[in-house]
């Protein structure tokens, strides 16, 4: 009996699974860890670049605007780190055992860097992933 082949990216987001050029996967094979990691990274970037209240279907999705001049840079970094943790834990179910560290850089004070180490679980896969996030001067999060 031939293996059942379906056009499915069960490890990706709903919209990734709808893409016309999505690769064909076997329902009996584990997803490619690189594809899963890339999907998680894209989702995290989308989650973190959403502002709190922008999504009517999920009002808690996203981060608040951190343009508060009364906070010191270390206080701000810790507040953002806690908010990032909350968003990822709440809106990226493939991630667990999350560790987020602030990477201070004295040469670029308007940019904050975060290093994420987590376990990604998807389709029987449990792999460690490392993600570096950059909050740039435009308050946009980029996976680097």
Protein backbone atom coordinates (compact mmCIF):
# COMPACT_ATOMS: atom_id res chain seq x y z
CA UNK A 1 0.00 0.00 0.00
CA UNK A 2 1.41 3.38 -0.97
CA UNK A 3 1.93 6.03 1.70
CA UNK A 4 -0.86 8.57 1.90
CA UNK A 5 0.52 11.89 0.69
CA UNK A 6 -1.28 15.08 1.49
CA UNK A 7 -0.50 18.68 0.87
CA UNK A 8 -0.12 19.73 4.47
CA UNK A 9 2.14 21.84 6.59
CA UNK A 10 0.62 20.72 9.88
CA UNK A 11 3.56 22.27 11.70
CA UNK A 12 2.97 25.71 10.18
CA UNK A 13 0.44 28.42 10.78
CA UNK A 14 -3.00 28.24 9.22
CA UNK A 15 -2.00 30.67 6.47
CA UNK A 16 1.24 28.80 5.78
CA UNK A 17 -0.79 25.64 5.25
CA UNK A 18 -2.97 27.45 2.68
CA UNK A 19 -0.05 28.57 0.52
CA UNK A 20 -0.25 27.20 -3.02
CA UNK A 21 3.44 26.28 -3.11
CA UNK A 22 3.42 24.46 0.26
CA UNK A 23 5.55 21.35 0.11
CA UNK A 24 3.94 17.94 0.08
CA UNK A 25 4.36 16.02 3.34
CA UNK A 26 3.60 12.48 4.34
CA UNK A 27 1.21 12.16 7.27
CA UNK A 28 3.46 9.44 8.68
CA UNK A 29 6.71 11.43 8.57
CA UNK A 30 7.93 13.88 11.14
CA UNK A 31 8.11 17.48 9.88
CA UNK A 32 11.47 18.91 8.91
CA UNK A 33 12.90 20.63 12.04
CA UNK A 34 14.22 23.54 9.98
CA UNK A 35 10.76 24.23 8.53
CA UNK A 36 9.21 24.08 12.01
CA UNK A 37 11.84 26.43 13.47
CA UNK A 38 11.32 28.91 10.62
CA UNK A 39 7.55 28.77 11.11
CA UNK A 40 7.94 29.41 14.84
CA UNK A 41 10.28 32.35 14.19
CA UNK A 42 7.85 33.91 11.69
CA UNK A 43 4.97 33.50 14.12
CA UNK A 44 6.91 35.03 17.00
CA UNK A 45 7.85 38.05 14.86
CA UNK A 46 4.17 38.49 13.87
CA UNK A 47 2.97 38.14 17.47
CA UNK A 48 5.48 40.63 18.83
CA UNK A 49 4.87 43.18 16.08
CA UNK A 50 1.15 43.20 16.82
CA UNK A 51 0.11 45.92 19.22
CA UNK A 52 -2.15 45.09 22.12
CA UNK A 53 -5.79 45.59 21.13
CA UNK A 54 -5.22 45.44 17.34
CA UNK A 55 -6.81 42.00 17.02
CA UNK A 56 -10.55 41.96 17.58
CA UNK A 57 -10.64 38.16 17.80
CA UNK A 58 -7.80 38.03 20.37
CA UNK A 59 -7.68 41.34 22.28
CA UNK A 60 -4.78 40.15 24.47
CA UNK A 61 -2.58 39.38 21.45
CA UNK A 62 0.49 41.53 21.01
CA UNK A 63 2.59 43.90 23.05
CA UNK A 64 1.80 47.29 24.51
CA UNK A 65 3.62 50.36 23.25
CA UNK A 66 6.74 50.77 25.39
CA UNK A 67 7.31 54.48 24.68
CA UNK A 68 7.44 55.33 28.40
CA UNK A 69 10.22 57.80 29.06
CA UNK A 70 9.86 57.44 32.84
CA UNK A 71 11.36 53.94 32.81
CA UNK A 72 15.10 53.43 32.93
CA UNK A 73 16.64 51.38 30.13
CA UNK A 74 17.17 48.35 32.40
CA UNK A 75 13.61 48.58 33.76
CA UNK A 76 12.28 48.89 30.23
CA UNK A 77 14.29 45.89 29.04
CA UNK A 78 12.96 43.74 31.91
CA UNK A 79 9.38 44.89 31.31
CA UNK A 80 9.67 44.07 27.59
CA UNK A 81 11.24 40.69 28.41
CA UNK A 82 8.28 39.80 30.66
CA UNK A 83 5.82 40.92 27.97
CA UNK A 84 7.63 38.86 25.30
CA UNK A 85 7.51 35.80 27.57
CA UNK A 86 3.79 36.24 28.18
CA UNK A 87 2.99 36.64 24.46
CA UNK A 88 5.04 33.63 23.40
CA UNK A 89 3.64 31.42 26.16
CA UNK A 90 0.10 32.50 25.34
CA UNK A 91 0.18 32.58 21.52
CA UNK A 92 2.86 30.12 20.37
CA UNK A 93 1.76 26.70 21.65
CA UNK A 94 4.68 24.86 20.01
CA UNK A 95 7.13 26.53 22.41
CA UNK A 96 7.84 25.51 26.01
CA UNK A 97 10.77 25.61 28.46
CA UNK A 98 11.25 29.25 27.49
CA UNK A 99 14.33 31.22 28.57
CA UNK A 100 14.64 34.85 27.49
CA UNK A 101 17.71 36.95 28.15
CA UNK A 102 18.35 40.61 27.50
CA UNK A 103 21.58 41.21 25.58
CA UNK A 104 22.64 44.78 26.40
CA UNK A 105 24.69 46.62 23.81
CA UNK A 106 26.23 49.92 24.91
CA UNK A 107 27.09 50.88 21.31
CA UNK A 108 23.42 50.93 20.22
CA UNK A 109 21.33 52.16 23.18
CA UNK A 110 18.18 52.64 21.07
CA UNK A 111 18.16 48.95 20.13
CA UNK A 112 17.40 46.12 22.50
CA UNK A 113 18.44 42.55 21.82
CA UNK A 114 16.89 39.44 23.32
CA UNK A 115 18.11 35.86 23.13
CA UNK A 116 15.48 33.13 23.36
CA UNK A 117 16.22 29.48 24.04
CA UNK A 118 13.20 27.18 24.01
CA UNK A 119 11.98 23.72 23.18
CA UNK A 120 9.80 23.39 20.10
CA UNK A 121 7.29 20.55 20.12
CA UNK A 122 5.48 19.68 16.92
CA UNK A 123 4.51 16.43 15.28
CA UNK A 124 6.43 14.25 17.74
CA UNK A 125 9.45 16.54 17.50
CA UNK A 126 11.05 18.07 20.60
CA UNK A 127 14.05 20.17 19.56
CA UNK A 128 15.84 23.13 21.09
CA UNK A 129 15.71 26.35 19.16
CA UNK A 130 17.60 29.60 19.65
CA UNK A 131 16.14 32.87 18.46
CA UNK A 132 17.72 36.30 18.56
CA UNK A 133 15.29 39.21 18.58
CA UNK A 134 16.17 42.79 17.86
CA UNK A 135 13.90 45.65 18.93
CA UNK A 136 15.07 48.44 16.66
CA UNK A 137 14.68 52.21 16.93
CA UNK A 138 11.33 51.96 15.05
CA UNK A 139 10.01 49.66 17.83
CA UNK A 140 9.82 46.77 15.40
CA UNK A 141 10.86 43.25 16.42
CA UNK A 142 13.05 41.36 13.97
CA UNK A 143 14.32 37.82 14.21
CA UNK A 144 18.04 37.98 13.44
